[in-house]
């Protein structure tokens, strides 16, 4: 933790980006990020088609004297379909809630279970920063943004993964740094929009 009266702290952007809300209560800052994005509509349509095909497959196999292979072959497809459906539903209902106060910084994902919940002692955080990660696919290049904490022992801890909006990532960083009185300094590999 740094001196909360240090005037070198840069004031963060006043208005949160879309999909992010901010509250302050009882000495705690809470940032809530909705996971919803319009790409989930396409994923939902894909899931319905995938699962619909599997239902058709099993109903056809069940109506005839099909060999056991007809029931065993699509098991991997069922697992993929269930996994995709879970990701899709989580995208519609889940939120990431970040709470910061002098005792702890917590990051929780829910209401559906998702990995990545964290609890850190703010006194052990030296710096917060955003990294931009490049993803190459057949449809081209896209980027995601990850919020990291550099701890006083020199270790780096990933706090939030795969933010698609760099403005959201920087806003979360700025709000937490201001609230926890962490003076922003450059970190090697840090994303800078300039």
N, C-alpha and C. Protein backbone atom coordinates (compact mmCIF):
# COMPACT_ATOMS: atom_id res chain seq x y z
N UNK A 1 0.86 -1.18 0.00
CA UNK A 1 0.00 0.00 0.00
C UNK A 1 0.90 1.23 0.00
N UNK A 2 0.42 2.26 -0.66
CA UNK A 2 1.16 3.50 -0.75
C UNK A 2 0.44 4.59 0.02
N UNK A 3 1.07 5.72 0.16
CA UNK A 3 0.51 6.86 0.87
C UNK A 3 -0.74 7.35 0.17
N UNK A 4 -1.93 7.30 0.83
CA UNK A 4 -3.17 7.72 0.17
C UNK A 4 -3.22 9.22 -0.11
N UNK A 5 -2.30 9.99 0.45
CA UNK A 5 -2.30 11.44 0.23
C UNK A 5 -1.27 11.85 -0.81
N UNK A 6 -0.67 10.88 -1.47
CA UNK A 6 0.33 11.17 -2.51
C UNK A 6 -0.36 11.85 -3.69
N UNK A 7 0.07 13.04 -4.03
CA UNK A 7 -0.58 13.82 -5.09
C UNK A 7 -0.18 13.36 -6.48
N UNK A 8 0.74 12.40 -6.59
CA UNK A 8 1.14 11.94 -7.92
C UNK A 8 0.17 10.91 -8.50
N UNK A 9 -0.81 10.50 -7.70
CA UNK A 9 -1.81 9.56 -8.20
C UNK A 9 -2.67 10.25 -9.25
N UNK A 10 -2.76 9.65 -10.41
CA UNK A 10 -3.55 10.23 -11.50
C UNK A 10 -5.00 9.85 -11.30
N UNK A 11 -5.89 10.82 -11.38
CA UNK A 11 -7.32 10.56 -11.22
C UNK A 11 -7.82 9.68 -12.37
N UNK A 12 -8.59 8.65 -12.08
CA UNK A 12 -9.10 7.78 -13.14
C UNK A 12 -10.23 8.45 -13.93
N UNK A 13 -10.55 7.82 -15.05
CA UNK A 13 -11.66 8.31 -15.85
C UNK A 13 -12.91 8.34 -14.98
N UNK A 14 -13.73 9.40 -15.09
CA UNK A 14 -14.87 9.54 -14.18
C UNK A 14 -16.04 8.59 -14.47
N UNK A 15 -16.23 8.22 -15.72
CA UNK A 15 -17.41 7.43 -16.09
C UNK A 15 -17.00 6.00 -16.46
N UNK A 16 -17.64 4.99 -15.83
CA UNK A 16 -17.26 3.61 -16.18
C UNK A 16 -17.68 3.24 -17.59
N UNK A 17 -16.87 2.41 -18.27
CA UNK A 17 -17.25 1.94 -19.61
C UNK A 17 -18.50 1.06 -19.54
N UNK A 18 -19.12 0.87 -20.67
CA UNK A 18 -20.32 0.04 -20.77
C UNK A 18 -20.03 -1.37 -20.25
N UNK A 19 -20.99 -1.92 -19.50
CA UNK A 19 -20.85 -3.27 -18.95
C UNK A 19 -20.19 -3.31 -17.59
N UNK A 20 -19.87 -2.14 -17.05
CA UNK A 20 -19.17 -2.06 -15.77
C UNK A 20 -19.89 -1.07 -14.87
N UNK A 21 -20.16 -1.48 -13.63
CA UNK A 21 -20.78 -0.57 -12.67
C UNK A 21 -19.85 -0.45 -11.46
N UNK A 22 -19.97 0.67 -10.76
CA UNK A 22 -19.11 0.93 -9.63
C UNK A 22 -19.95 1.43 -8.46
N UNK A 23 -19.63 0.94 -7.25
CA UNK A 23 -20.31 1.35 -6.02
C UNK A 23 -19.27 1.47 -4.93
N UNK A 24 -19.58 2.33 -3.96
CA UNK A 24 -18.73 2.42 -2.79
C UNK A 24 -19.64 2.37 -1.57
N UNK A 25 -19.31 1.48 -0.63
CA UNK A 25 -20.12 1.35 0.58
C UNK A 25 -19.25 0.83 1.71
N UNK A 26 -19.46 1.34 2.90
CA UNK A 26 -18.80 0.88 4.13
C UNK A 26 -17.30 0.64 3.96
N UNK A 27 -16.62 1.58 3.32
CA UNK A 27 -15.18 1.45 3.16
C UNK A 27 -14.74 0.45 2.12
N UNK A 28 -15.65 0.04 1.25
CA UNK A 28 -15.34 -0.94 0.21
C UNK A 28 -15.73 -0.39 -1.16
N UNK A 29 -14.83 -0.56 -2.12
CA UNK A 29 -15.12 -0.24 -3.52
C UNK A 29 -15.54 -1.53 -4.19
N UNK A 30 -16.66 -1.48 -4.92
CA UNK A 30 -17.11 -2.67 -5.65
C UNK A 30 -17.29 -2.32 -7.12
N UNK A 31 -16.61 -3.08 -7.96
CA UNK A 31 -16.75 -2.99 -9.42
C UNK A 31 -17.43 -4.27 -9.88
N UNK A 32 -18.48 -4.14 -10.67
CA UNK A 32 -19.21 -5.31 -11.17
C UNK A 32 -19.18 -5.28 -12.69
N UNK A 33 -18.69 -6.37 -13.27
CA UNK A 33 -18.56 -6.47 -14.72
C UNK A 33 -19.47 -7.58 -15.24
N UNK A 34 -20.39 -7.21 -16.11
CA UNK A 34 -21.27 -8.18 -16.77
C UNK A 34 -20.47 -8.92 -17.84
N UNK A 35 -20.71 -10.21 -17.98
CA UNK A 35 -20.03 -11.00 -19.01
C UNK A 35 -20.74 -10.93 -20.35
N UNK A 36 -21.96 -10.43 -20.37
CA UNK A 36 -22.74 -10.48 -21.61
C UNK A 36 -22.08 -9.67 -22.71
N UNK A 37 -22.08 -10.26 -23.91
CA UNK A 37 -21.72 -9.53 -25.13
C UNK A 37 -22.53 -10.14 -26.27
N UNK A 38 -22.64 -9.40 -27.35
CA UNK A 38 -23.53 -9.83 -28.44
C UNK A 38 -23.05 -11.09 -29.15
N UNK A 39 -21.78 -11.43 -29.03
CA UNK A 39 -21.28 -12.68 -29.60
C UNK A 39 -21.91 -13.91 -28.97
N UNK A 40 -22.44 -13.75 -27.76
CA UNK A 40 -23.10 -14.88 -27.09
C UNK A 40 -24.37 -15.31 -27.82
N UNK A 41 -25.00 -14.40 -28.54
CA UNK A 41 -26.21 -14.76 -29.30
C UNK A 41 -25.84 -15.80 -30.36
N UNK A 42 -24.72 -15.58 -31.06
CA UNK A 42 -24.27 -16.54 -32.07
C UNK A 42 -23.90 -17.87 -31.42
N UNK A 43 -23.23 -17.81 -30.26
CA UNK A 43 -22.88 -19.04 -29.57
C UNK A 43 -24.13 -19.79 -29.13
N UNK A 44 -25.16 -19.08 -28.68
CA UNK A 44 -26.41 -19.72 -28.26
C UNK A 44 -27.07 -20.43 -29.45
N UNK A 45 -27.08 -19.78 -30.61
CA UNK A 45 -27.67 -20.40 -31.82
C UNK A 45 -26.88 -21.65 -32.18
N UNK A 46 -25.54 -21.55 -32.13
CA UNK A 46 -24.69 -22.71 -32.43
C UNK A 46 -24.97 -23.86 -31.46
N UNK A 47 -25.10 -23.54 -30.15
CA UNK A 47 -25.38 -24.58 -29.14
C UNK A 47 -26.72 -25.27 -29.40
N UNK A 48 -27.73 -24.48 -29.74
CA UNK A 48 -29.05 -25.06 -30.02
C UNK A 48 -28.96 -26.01 -31.21
N UNK A 49 -28.25 -25.61 -32.25
CA UNK A 49 -28.09 -26.49 -33.43
C UNK A 49 -27.30 -27.75 -33.08
N UNK A 50 -26.21 -27.58 -32.34
CA UNK A 50 -25.37 -28.73 -31.95
C UNK A 50 -26.16 -29.73 -31.13
N UNK A 51 -26.83 -29.24 -30.09
CA UNK A 51 -27.58 -30.13 -29.19
C UNK A 51 -28.80 -30.70 -29.92
N UNK A 52 -29.44 -29.89 -30.76
CA UNK A 52 -30.57 -30.37 -31.56
C UNK A 52 -30.17 -31.53 -32.46
N UNK A 53 -28.99 -31.43 -33.08
CA UNK A 53 -28.51 -32.52 -33.94
C UNK A 53 -28.29 -33.78 -33.10
N UNK A 54 -27.71 -33.62 -31.89
CA UNK A 54 -27.47 -34.78 -31.04
C UNK A 54 -28.78 -35.44 -30.60
N UNK A 55 -29.78 -34.63 -30.28
CA UNK A 55 -31.10 -35.18 -29.92
C UNK A 55 -31.67 -35.96 -31.10
N UNK A 56 -31.57 -35.40 -32.30
CA UNK A 56 -32.04 -36.09 -33.52
C UNK A 56 -31.27 -37.39 -33.70
N UNK A 57 -29.95 -37.35 -33.53
CA UNK A 57 -29.11 -38.54 -33.71
C UNK A 57 -29.54 -39.66 -32.77
N UNK A 58 -29.67 -39.33 -31.48
CA UNK A 58 -30.02 -40.36 -30.51
C UNK A 58 -31.46 -40.86 -30.69
N UNK A 59 -32.36 -39.97 -31.11
CA UNK A 59 -33.74 -40.42 -31.33
C UNK A 59 -33.81 -41.37 -32.53
N UNK A 60 -33.04 -41.10 -33.57
CA UNK A 60 -33.01 -41.99 -34.74
C UNK A 60 -32.37 -43.33 -34.37
N UNK A 61 -31.28 -43.25 -33.57
CA UNK A 61 -30.60 -44.48 -33.17
C UNK A 61 -31.49 -45.33 -32.25
N UNK A 62 -32.31 -44.67 -31.45
CA UNK A 62 -33.18 -45.39 -30.51
C UNK A 62 -34.39 -46.01 -31.17
N UNK A 63 -34.78 -45.50 -32.35
CA UNK A 63 -35.97 -46.01 -33.02
C UNK A 63 -35.70 -47.25 -33.87
N UNK A 64 -34.46 -47.55 -34.09
CA UNK A 64 -34.13 -48.72 -34.91
C UNK A 64 -33.20 -49.63 -34.11
N UNK A 65 -32.93 -50.78 -34.65
CA UNK A 65 -31.99 -51.70 -34.01
C UNK A 65 -30.57 -51.29 -34.39
N UNK A 66 -30.17 -50.14 -33.90
CA UNK A 66 -28.84 -49.60 -34.25
C UNK A 66 -27.77 -50.30 -33.45
N UNK A 67 -26.59 -50.42 -34.06
CA UNK A 67 -25.48 -51.01 -33.30
C UNK A 67 -25.07 -50.08 -32.14
N UNK A 68 -24.41 -50.64 -31.16
CA UNK A 68 -23.98 -49.88 -29.98
C UNK A 68 -23.10 -48.71 -30.39
N UNK A 69 -22.36 -48.86 -31.47
CA UNK A 69 -21.46 -47.80 -31.95
C UNK A 69 -22.24 -46.50 -32.23
N UNK A 70 -23.50 -46.61 -32.63
CA UNK A 70 -24.31 -45.41 -32.89
C UNK A 70 -24.54 -44.60 -31.60
N UNK A 71 -24.50 -45.26 -30.45
CA UNK A 71 -24.68 -44.57 -29.18
C UNK A 71 -23.34 -44.12 -28.58
N UNK A 72 -22.29 -44.90 -28.88
CA UNK A 72 -20.98 -44.60 -28.31
C UNK A 72 -20.27 -43.50 -29.09
N UNK A 73 -20.37 -43.52 -30.40
CA UNK A 73 -19.64 -42.57 -31.26
C UNK A 73 -19.86 -41.11 -30.86
N UNK A 74 -21.08 -40.65 -30.59
CA UNK A 74 -21.26 -39.22 -30.33
C UNK A 74 -21.00 -38.77 -28.88
N UNK A 75 -20.47 -39.66 -28.03
CA UNK A 75 -20.26 -39.28 -26.62
C UNK A 75 -19.35 -38.05 -26.52
N UNK A 76 -18.29 -38.00 -27.29
CA UNK A 76 -17.41 -36.82 -27.29
C UNK A 76 -18.15 -35.57 -27.70
N UNK A 77 -19.05 -35.72 -28.69
CA UNK A 77 -19.85 -34.57 -29.15
C UNK A 77 -20.81 -34.09 -28.06
N UNK A 78 -21.33 -35.03 -27.27
CA UNK A 78 -22.21 -34.67 -26.16
C UNK A 78 -21.42 -33.84 -25.14
N UNK A 79 -20.20 -34.29 -24.82
CA UNK A 79 -19.37 -33.57 -23.86
C UNK A 79 -19.08 -32.15 -24.35
N UNK A 80 -18.74 -32.03 -25.63
CA UNK A 80 -18.47 -30.69 -26.20
C UNK A 80 -19.73 -29.83 -26.15
N UNK A 81 -20.85 -30.41 -26.50
CA UNK A 81 -22.12 -29.67 -26.48
C UNK A 81 -22.47 -29.17 -25.09
N UNK A 82 -22.30 -30.02 -24.08
CA UNK A 82 -22.58 -29.61 -22.71
C UNK A 82 -21.62 -28.52 -22.25
N UNK A 83 -20.34 -28.66 -22.62
CA UNK A 83 -19.35 -27.63 -22.27
C UNK A 83 -19.67 -26.29 -22.90
N UNK A 84 -20.02 -26.32 -24.18
CA UNK A 84 -20.38 -25.07 -24.88
C UNK A 84 -21.64 -24.45 -24.28
N UNK A 85 -22.61 -25.29 -23.94
CA UNK A 85 -23.84 -24.77 -23.34
C UNK A 85 -23.54 -24.11 -21.99
N UNK A 86 -22.66 -24.71 -21.20
CA UNK A 86 -22.30 -24.13 -19.90
C UNK A 86 -21.62 -22.77 -20.09
N UNK A 87 -20.68 -22.70 -21.02
CA UNK A 87 -19.98 -21.44 -21.30
C UNK A 87 -20.98 -20.38 -21.75
N UNK A 88 -21.90 -20.78 -22.60
CA UNK A 88 -22.90 -19.84 -23.13
C UNK A 88 -23.81 -19.32 -22.00
N UNK A 89 -24.32 -20.21 -21.18
CA UNK A 89 -25.20 -19.79 -20.08
C UNK A 89 -24.44 -18.90 -19.10
N UNK A 90 -23.18 -19.28 -18.80
CA UNK A 90 -22.36 -18.46 -17.90
C UNK A 90 -22.17 -17.06 -18.49
N UNK A 91 -21.99 -16.98 -19.79
CA UNK A 91 -21.83 -15.68 -20.43
C UNK A 91 -23.06 -14.80 -20.29
N UNK A 92 -24.24 -15.41 -20.27
CA UNK A 92 -25.47 -14.64 -20.12
C UNK A 92 -25.72 -14.22 -18.67
N UNK A 93 -25.37 -15.07 -17.70
CA UNK A 93 -25.78 -14.78 -16.32
C UNK A 93 -24.65 -14.35 -15.39
N UNK A 94 -23.41 -14.70 -15.71
CA UNK A 94 -22.32 -14.43 -14.78
C UNK A 94 -21.88 -12.97 -14.77
N UNK A 95 -21.32 -12.60 -13.64
CA UNK A 95 -20.69 -11.30 -13.45
C UNK A 95 -19.39 -11.53 -12.70
N UNK A 96 -18.45 -10.64 -12.91
CA UNK A 96 -17.24 -10.62 -12.09
C UNK A 96 -17.40 -9.48 -11.11
N UNK A 97 -17.26 -9.79 -9.83
CA UNK A 97 -17.39 -8.77 -8.79
C UNK A 97 -16.02 -8.59 -8.14
N UNK A 98 -15.54 -7.37 -8.17
CA UNK A 98 -14.25 -7.01 -7.59
C UNK A 98 -14.52 -6.11 -6.40
N UNK A 99 -14.05 -6.52 -5.23
CA UNK A 99 -14.22 -5.70 -4.02
C UNK A 99 -12.85 -5.37 -3.46
N UNK A 100 -12.67 -4.09 -3.11
CA UNK A 100 -11.39 -3.65 -2.56
C UNK A 100 -11.62 -2.84 -1.30
N UNK A 101 -10.88 -3.17 -0.27
CA UNK A 101 -10.83 -2.36 0.95
C UNK A 101 -9.44 -2.54 1.56
N UNK A 102 -9.20 -1.96 2.71
CA UNK A 102 -7.85 -2.02 3.27
C UNK A 102 -7.46 -3.43 3.70
N UNK A 103 -8.42 -4.30 3.96
CA UNK A 103 -8.11 -5.66 4.40
C UNK A 103 -7.83 -6.63 3.24
N UNK A 104 -8.63 -6.50 2.14
CA UNK A 104 -8.47 -7.47 1.06
C UNK A 104 -9.00 -6.97 -0.27
N UNK A 105 -8.46 -7.57 -1.31
CA UNK A 105 -8.95 -7.40 -2.67
C UNK A 105 -9.49 -8.76 -3.09
N UNK A 106 -10.81 -8.82 -3.38
CA UNK A 106 -11.41 -10.09 -3.77
C UNK A 106 -11.96 -9.99 -5.18
N UNK A 107 -11.85 -11.09 -5.89
CA UNK A 107 -12.41 -11.20 -7.23
C UNK A 107 -13.22 -12.49 -7.26
N UNK A 108 -14.51 -12.35 -7.57
CA UNK A 108 -15.42 -13.50 -7.57
C UNK A 108 -16.20 -13.52 -8.89
N UNK A 109 -16.38 -14.73 -9.41
CA UNK A 109 -17.17 -14.94 -10.63
C UNK A 109 -18.40 -15.75 -10.26
N UNK A 110 -19.56 -15.37 -10.77
CA UNK A 110 -20.76 -16.13 -10.45
C UNK A 110 -21.99 -15.50 -11.06
N UNK A 111 -23.16 -16.10 -10.92
CA UNK A 111 -23.49 -17.15 -9.97
C UNK A 111 -23.06 -18.56 -10.38
N UNK A 112 -22.84 -18.82 -11.68
CA UNK A 112 -22.36 -20.15 -12.06
C UNK A 112 -20.87 -20.24 -11.76
N UNK A 113 -20.43 -21.41 -11.32
CA UNK A 113 -19.02 -21.60 -10.98
C UNK A 113 -18.13 -21.29 -12.17
N UNK A 114 -17.03 -20.61 -11.89
CA UNK A 114 -16.01 -20.34 -12.90
C UNK A 114 -14.67 -20.24 -12.19
N UNK A 115 -13.59 -20.76 -12.77
CA UNK A 115 -12.29 -20.66 -12.09
C UNK A 115 -11.79 -19.22 -12.07
N UNK A 116 -10.93 -18.92 -11.13
CA UNK A 116 -10.28 -17.61 -11.11
C UNK A 116 -10.65 -16.72 -9.95
N UNK A 117 -11.41 -17.23 -8.97
CA UNK A 117 -11.69 -16.42 -7.79
C UNK A 117 -10.37 -16.17 -7.05
N UNK A 118 -10.21 -14.96 -6.52
CA UNK A 118 -8.97 -14.57 -5.86
C UNK A 118 -9.26 -13.77 -4.60
N UNK A 119 -8.39 -13.89 -3.62
CA UNK A 119 -8.39 -13.03 -2.43
C UNK A 119 -6.93 -12.64 -2.18
N UNK A 120 -6.64 -11.34 -2.20
CA UNK A 120 -5.28 -10.85 -1.99
C UNK A 120 -5.27 -9.81 -0.88
N UNK A 121 -4.16 -9.72 -0.21
CA UNK A 121 -3.94 -8.67 0.78
C UNK A 121 -3.39 -7.45 0.03
N UNK A 122 -4.11 -6.31 0.04
CA UNK A 122 -3.63 -5.13 -0.70
C UNK A 122 -2.24 -4.66 -0.26
N UNK A 123 -1.85 -4.94 0.98
CA UNK A 123 -0.53 -4.53 1.46
C UNK A 123 0.58 -5.28 0.73
N UNK A 124 0.26 -6.41 0.08
CA UNK A 124 1.26 -7.19 -0.64
C UNK A 124 1.29 -6.87 -2.14
N UNK A 125 0.44 -5.93 -2.59
CA UNK A 125 0.38 -5.56 -4.00
C UNK A 125 1.27 -4.34 -4.23
N UNK A 126 2.23 -4.49 -5.13
CA UNK A 126 3.12 -3.38 -5.47
C UNK A 126 2.55 -2.55 -6.61
N UNK A 127 1.95 -3.23 -7.61
CA UNK A 127 1.48 -2.53 -8.80
C UNK A 127 0.38 -3.34 -9.49
N UNK A 128 -0.56 -2.64 -10.12
CA UNK A 128 -1.56 -3.27 -10.98
C UNK A 128 -1.26 -2.84 -12.41
N UNK A 129 -1.48 -3.74 -13.36
CA UNK A 129 -1.22 -3.39 -14.76
C UNK A 129 -2.03 -4.30 -15.68
N UNK A 130 -2.17 -3.84 -16.92
CA UNK A 130 -2.94 -4.56 -17.94
C UNK A 130 -1.97 -5.08 -19.00
N UNK A 131 -2.16 -6.34 -19.38
CA UNK A 131 -1.39 -6.92 -20.49
C UNK A 131 -2.35 -7.19 -21.65
N UNK A 132 -1.88 -6.93 -22.85
CA UNK A 132 -2.66 -7.26 -24.05
C UNK A 132 -2.12 -8.55 -24.63
N UNK A 133 -3.03 -9.49 -24.90
CA UNK A 133 -2.65 -10.80 -25.44
C UNK A 133 -3.21 -10.91 -26.86
N UNK A 134 -2.35 -11.29 -27.79
CA UNK A 134 -2.72 -11.42 -29.20
C UNK A 134 -3.19 -12.85 -29.46
N UNK A 135 -4.34 -12.97 -30.14
CA UNK A 135 -4.89 -14.28 -30.50
C UNK A 135 -5.02 -14.33 -32.02
N UNK A 136 -4.44 -15.38 -32.61
CA UNK A 136 -4.50 -15.57 -34.06
C UNK A 136 -5.46 -16.71 -34.35
N UNK A 137 -6.38 -16.48 -35.27
CA UNK A 137 -7.30 -17.55 -35.68
C UNK A 137 -7.48 -17.46 -37.19
N UNK A 138 -8.25 -18.39 -37.74
CA UNK A 138 -8.48 -18.36 -39.19
C UNK A 138 -9.28 -17.13 -39.60
N UNK A 139 -9.97 -16.50 -38.63
CA UNK A 139 -10.74 -15.29 -38.92
C UNK A 139 -9.93 -14.02 -38.73
N UNK A 140 -8.65 -14.15 -38.41
CA UNK A 140 -7.80 -12.98 -38.25
C UNK A 140 -7.24 -12.88 -36.84
N UNK A 141 -6.81 -11.68 -36.50
CA UNK A 141 -6.18 -11.42 -35.21
C UNK A 141 -7.15 -10.65 -34.33
N UNK A 142 -7.23 -11.04 -33.07
CA UNK A 142 -7.96 -10.23 -32.09
C UNK A 142 -7.17 -10.24 -30.78
N UNK A 143 -7.54 -9.34 -29.90
CA UNK A 143 -6.79 -9.16 -28.67
C UNK A 143 -7.70 -9.31 -27.46
N UNK A 144 -7.12 -9.77 -26.36
CA UNK A 144 -7.82 -9.76 -25.08
C UNK A 144 -6.90 -9.06 -24.08
N UNK A 145 -7.49 -8.63 -22.98
CA UNK A 145 -6.77 -7.82 -21.99
C UNK A 145 -6.91 -8.48 -20.63
N UNK A 146 -5.79 -8.59 -19.91
CA UNK A 146 -5.74 -9.28 -18.63
C UNK A 146 -5.22 -8.32 -17.58
N UNK A 147 -5.86 -8.31 -16.43
CA UNK A 147 -5.41 -7.47 -15.32
C UNK A 147 -4.51 -8.30 -14.41
N UNK A 148 -3.33 -7.78 -14.14
CA UNK A 148 -2.34 -8.45 -13.30
C UNK A 148 -2.00 -7.60 -12.08
N UNK A 149 -1.52 -8.27 -11.04
CA UNK A 149 -0.94 -7.60 -9.88
C UNK A 149 0.51 -8.05 -9.79
N UNK A 150 1.41 -7.07 -9.66
CA UNK A 150 2.79 -7.40 -9.33
C UNK A 150 2.88 -7.29 -7.81
N UNK A 151 3.26 -8.37 -7.17
CA UNK A 151 3.31 -8.41 -5.72
C UNK A 151 4.64 -7.85 -5.23
N UNK A 152 4.70 -7.50 -3.95
CA UNK A 152 5.93 -6.93 -3.40
C UNK A 152 7.08 -7.94 -3.44
N UNK A 153 6.78 -9.24 -3.50
CA UNK A 153 7.83 -10.25 -3.60
C UNK A 153 8.31 -10.47 -5.04
N UNK A 154 7.76 -9.67 -5.99
CA UNK A 154 8.17 -9.75 -7.39
C UNK A 154 7.35 -10.70 -8.24
N UNK A 155 6.48 -11.49 -7.62
CA UNK A 155 5.64 -12.41 -8.40
C UNK A 155 4.51 -11.64 -9.06
N UNK A 156 4.01 -12.20 -10.17
CA UNK A 156 2.90 -11.59 -10.91
C UNK A 156 1.70 -12.52 -10.81
N UNK A 157 0.56 -11.98 -10.41
CA UNK A 157 -0.67 -12.76 -10.26
C UNK A 157 -1.72 -12.24 -11.23
N UNK A 158 -2.28 -13.15 -12.02
CA UNK A 158 -3.37 -12.76 -12.92
C UNK A 158 -4.64 -12.60 -12.10
N UNK A 159 -5.30 -11.44 -12.22
CA UNK A 159 -6.51 -11.17 -11.46
C UNK A 159 -7.76 -11.40 -12.30
N UNK A 160 -7.78 -10.87 -13.51
CA UNK A 160 -8.95 -11.00 -14.38
C UNK A 160 -8.45 -11.33 -15.78
N UNK A 161 -9.07 -12.32 -16.42
CA UNK A 161 -8.66 -12.78 -17.75
C UNK A 161 -9.64 -12.33 -18.82
N UNK A 162 -9.12 -12.25 -20.01
CA UNK A 162 -9.90 -12.14 -21.25
C UNK A 162 -10.95 -11.04 -21.27
N UNK A 163 -10.57 -9.87 -20.84
CA UNK A 163 -11.45 -8.72 -21.06
C UNK A 163 -11.30 -8.33 -22.53
N UNK A 164 -12.42 -8.14 -23.21
CA UNK A 164 -12.34 -7.81 -24.64
C UNK A 164 -12.21 -6.31 -24.87
N UNK A 165 -12.50 -5.52 -23.86
CA UNK A 165 -12.51 -4.07 -23.99
C UNK A 165 -11.32 -3.48 -23.23
N UNK A 166 -10.35 -2.87 -23.93
CA UNK A 166 -9.20 -2.31 -23.22
C UNK A 166 -9.60 -1.18 -22.28
N UNK A 167 -10.67 -0.46 -22.62
CA UNK A 167 -11.15 0.61 -21.75
C UNK A 167 -11.63 0.08 -20.41
N UNK A 168 -12.31 -1.07 -20.42
CA UNK A 168 -12.75 -1.70 -19.18
C UNK A 168 -11.55 -2.10 -18.33
N UNK A 169 -10.57 -2.72 -18.97
CA UNK A 169 -9.39 -3.19 -18.25
C UNK A 169 -8.65 -2.02 -17.60
N UNK A 170 -8.42 -0.95 -18.34
CA UNK A 170 -7.71 0.22 -17.81
C UNK A 170 -8.54 0.91 -16.72
N UNK A 171 -9.85 0.95 -16.88
CA UNK A 171 -10.70 1.60 -15.88
C UNK A 171 -10.63 0.84 -14.55
N UNK A 172 -10.72 -0.49 -14.62
CA UNK A 172 -10.62 -1.30 -13.40
C UNK A 172 -9.27 -1.06 -12.73
N UNK A 173 -8.21 -1.08 -13.53
CA UNK A 173 -6.87 -0.83 -12.98
C UNK A 173 -6.81 0.54 -12.28
N UNK A 174 -7.29 1.57 -12.97
CA UNK A 174 -7.22 2.93 -12.42
C UNK A 174 -8.04 3.07 -11.14
N UNK A 175 -9.25 2.51 -11.15
CA UNK A 175 -10.10 2.62 -9.97
C UNK A 175 -9.47 1.92 -8.76
N UNK A 176 -8.94 0.73 -8.98
CA UNK A 176 -8.33 -0.01 -7.87
C UNK A 176 -7.07 0.69 -7.37
N UNK A 177 -6.26 1.18 -8.30
CA UNK A 177 -5.05 1.88 -7.88
C UNK A 177 -5.38 3.12 -7.06
N UNK A 178 -6.38 3.87 -7.50
CA UNK A 178 -6.77 5.07 -6.76
C UNK A 178 -7.31 4.70 -5.39
N UNK A 179 -8.19 3.70 -5.34
CA UNK A 179 -8.83 3.34 -4.08
C UNK A 179 -7.84 2.75 -3.09
N UNK A 180 -6.89 1.95 -3.60
CA UNK A 180 -5.91 1.31 -2.73
C UNK A 180 -4.65 2.16 -2.57
N UNK A 181 -4.65 3.37 -3.15
CA UNK A 181 -3.52 4.31 -3.05
C UNK A 181 -2.23 3.69 -3.58
N UNK A 182 -2.33 3.05 -4.74
CA UNK A 182 -1.15 2.50 -5.42
C UNK A 182 -0.76 3.49 -6.50
N UNK A 183 0.46 4.01 -6.41
CA UNK A 183 0.94 4.97 -7.40
C UNK A 183 1.26 4.21 -8.68
N UNK A 184 0.67 4.63 -9.79
CA UNK A 184 0.84 3.96 -11.07
C UNK A 184 2.25 4.17 -11.60
N UNK A 185 2.96 3.07 -11.85
CA UNK A 185 4.26 3.12 -12.49
C UNK A 185 4.27 2.11 -13.62
N UNK A 186 5.17 2.29 -14.56
CA UNK A 186 5.26 1.38 -15.70
C UNK A 186 5.77 0.02 -15.27
N UNK A 187 5.21 -1.01 -15.90
CA UNK A 187 5.64 -2.39 -15.69
C UNK A 187 6.01 -2.94 -17.05
N UNK A 188 7.11 -3.66 -17.12
CA UNK A 188 7.54 -4.23 -18.39
C UNK A 188 6.47 -5.15 -18.97
N UNK A 189 6.12 -4.93 -20.23
CA UNK A 189 5.08 -5.73 -20.89
C UNK A 189 3.68 -5.19 -20.70
N UNK A 190 3.53 -4.08 -19.98
CA UNK A 190 2.22 -3.49 -19.72
C UNK A 190 1.63 -2.90 -20.99
N UNK A 191 0.32 -3.08 -21.17
CA UNK A 191 -0.38 -2.47 -22.31
C UNK A 191 -0.56 -0.98 -22.06
N UNK A 192 -0.20 -0.20 -23.08
CA UNK A 192 -0.42 1.24 -23.01
C UNK A 192 -1.15 1.66 -24.27
N UNK A 193 -2.30 2.33 -24.14
CA UNK A 193 -3.06 2.71 -25.34
C UNK A 193 -2.40 3.80 -26.15
N UNK A 194 -1.37 4.45 -25.62
CA UNK A 194 -0.70 5.55 -26.34
C UNK A 194 0.34 5.04 -27.31
